[in-house]
Protein backbone atom coordinates (compact mmCIF):
# COMPACT_ATOMS: atom_id res chain seq x y z
CA MET A 1 25.23 19.20 38.37
CA THR A 2 24.61 22.55 36.71
CA LYS A 3 22.07 22.45 33.88
CA VAL A 4 22.57 24.84 30.97
CA LEU A 5 19.91 25.19 28.28
CA ILE A 6 20.91 26.23 24.76
CA VAL A 7 18.03 27.84 22.85
CA CYS A 8 18.00 28.26 19.07
CA GLY A 9 15.38 28.55 16.35
CA SER A 10 14.57 24.91 15.65
CA GLY A 11 16.81 23.05 18.11
CA ILE A 12 19.03 21.52 15.43
CA SER A 13 22.12 23.71 15.61
CA SER A 14 21.88 23.95 19.39
CA GLN A 15 21.91 20.14 19.52
CA LEU A 16 25.15 20.09 17.51
CA LEU A 17 26.71 22.69 19.81
CA LYS A 18 25.52 20.76 22.85
CA GLU A 19 27.25 17.59 21.64
CA SER A 20 30.47 19.49 21.03
CA ALA A 21 30.29 21.15 24.45
CA MET A 22 29.61 17.90 26.30
CA ARG A 23 32.90 16.46 25.01
CA SER A 24 34.71 19.49 26.41
CA THR A 25 33.06 19.32 29.83
CA GLU A 26 34.93 16.08 30.41
CA ALA A 27 38.27 17.67 29.47
CA TYR A 28 37.67 20.60 31.85
CA HIS A 29 36.16 18.43 34.58
CA ALA A 30 33.20 20.79 34.55
CA ASP A 31 30.10 19.72 36.47
CA ILE A 32 27.84 21.01 33.69
CA THR A 33 25.23 19.31 31.58
CA PHE A 34 23.99 20.98 28.42
CA GLU A 35 20.52 20.61 26.96
CA ALA A 36 19.31 21.93 23.61
CA THR A 37 15.87 23.12 22.57
CA SER A 38 14.01 25.30 20.12
CA PHE A 39 12.65 28.69 21.09
CA LEU A 40 9.11 27.29 20.90
CA ASN A 41 9.88 24.73 23.62
CA ALA A 42 12.19 26.92 25.71
CA GLU A 43 9.64 28.09 28.25
CA GLN A 44 8.88 24.53 29.35
CA GLU A 45 12.55 23.62 29.77
CA MET A 46 13.83 26.83 31.33
CA ALA A 47 12.31 26.21 34.75
CA ASP A 48 14.87 23.64 35.86
CA SER A 49 17.87 25.26 34.13
CA ASP A 50 20.56 27.15 36.00
CA LEU A 51 21.59 29.16 32.94
CA VAL A 52 19.90 29.78 29.58
CA LEU A 53 22.10 30.50 26.58
CA VAL A 54 20.50 32.14 23.55
CA ALA A 55 21.76 31.48 20.02
CA PRO A 56 22.47 34.50 17.81
CA GLN A 57 19.62 33.70 15.39
CA VAL A 58 17.03 34.08 18.14
CA SER A 59 18.68 36.97 19.98
CA TYR A 60 15.64 39.12 19.21
CA HIS A 61 13.83 36.95 21.81
CA TYR A 62 16.46 37.69 24.47
CA ASP A 63 14.30 40.16 26.43
CA GLN A 64 11.35 37.78 26.36
CA LEU A 65 13.48 34.92 27.69
CA LYS A 66 15.13 37.19 30.27
CA ALA A 67 11.69 38.08 31.62
CA GLN A 68 11.06 34.37 32.25
CA HIS A 69 14.43 33.41 33.74
CA ASP A 70 16.93 35.47 35.72
CA GLN A 71 20.09 33.96 34.21
CA VAL A 72 19.98 34.35 30.43
CA GLU A 73 23.00 35.15 28.29
CA GLN A 74 23.57 35.48 24.58
CA ILE A 75 26.08 33.09 23.00
CA PRO A 76 28.81 35.02 21.18
CA ASP A 77 28.56 34.76 17.39
CA ASP A 78 32.02 33.25 16.94
CA ILE A 79 31.33 30.42 19.39
CA TYR A 80 28.00 29.57 17.82
CA ALA A 81 29.05 29.91 14.18
CA TRP A 82 31.95 27.49 14.62
CA LEU A 83 30.04 25.16 16.97
CA ASN A 84 32.99 25.57 19.30
CA GLY A 85 32.10 23.42 22.28
CA GLU A 86 35.34 24.12 24.14
CA SER A 87 34.79 27.89 23.94
CA LEU A 88 31.17 27.42 24.98
CA VAL A 89 32.26 25.53 28.10
CA LYS A 90 34.73 28.30 28.98
CA PHE A 91 32.09 30.98 28.32
CA THR A 92 29.56 29.07 30.44
CA MET A 93 31.98 28.68 33.33
CA ARG A 94 32.72 32.44 33.28
CA GLU A 95 29.00 33.27 33.22
CA LEU A 96 28.24 30.89 36.07
CA ASP A 97 31.11 32.36 38.13
CA LYS A 98 29.93 35.89 37.35
CA ASN A 99 26.41 35.03 38.45
CA LYS A 100 27.69 33.55 41.74
CA VAL A 101 29.46 36.82 42.52
CA ASN A 102 26.28 38.80 41.80
CA GLU A 103 24.12 36.68 44.14
């Protein structure tokens, strides 16, 4: 199971996006589990994550998070703003595939 961590400011909106995305993982038969956290707790939870996704409102911390984990990506604004779980699953699958090619 691939673990993907969604990081936002307080963990509230990332939790909503996580719930939306988890419903779509079933539809796509994706072997992905999403977790949500705030930026303040991200460092503790990043260690066992395969991919870290950064919400637009904390994108200014992207470089800091990237220095702590090798697979960090920024969630596109349109996916995050609409809490579009299906698009997040598709985006995540593309990023995971892209990272496999780069390994």
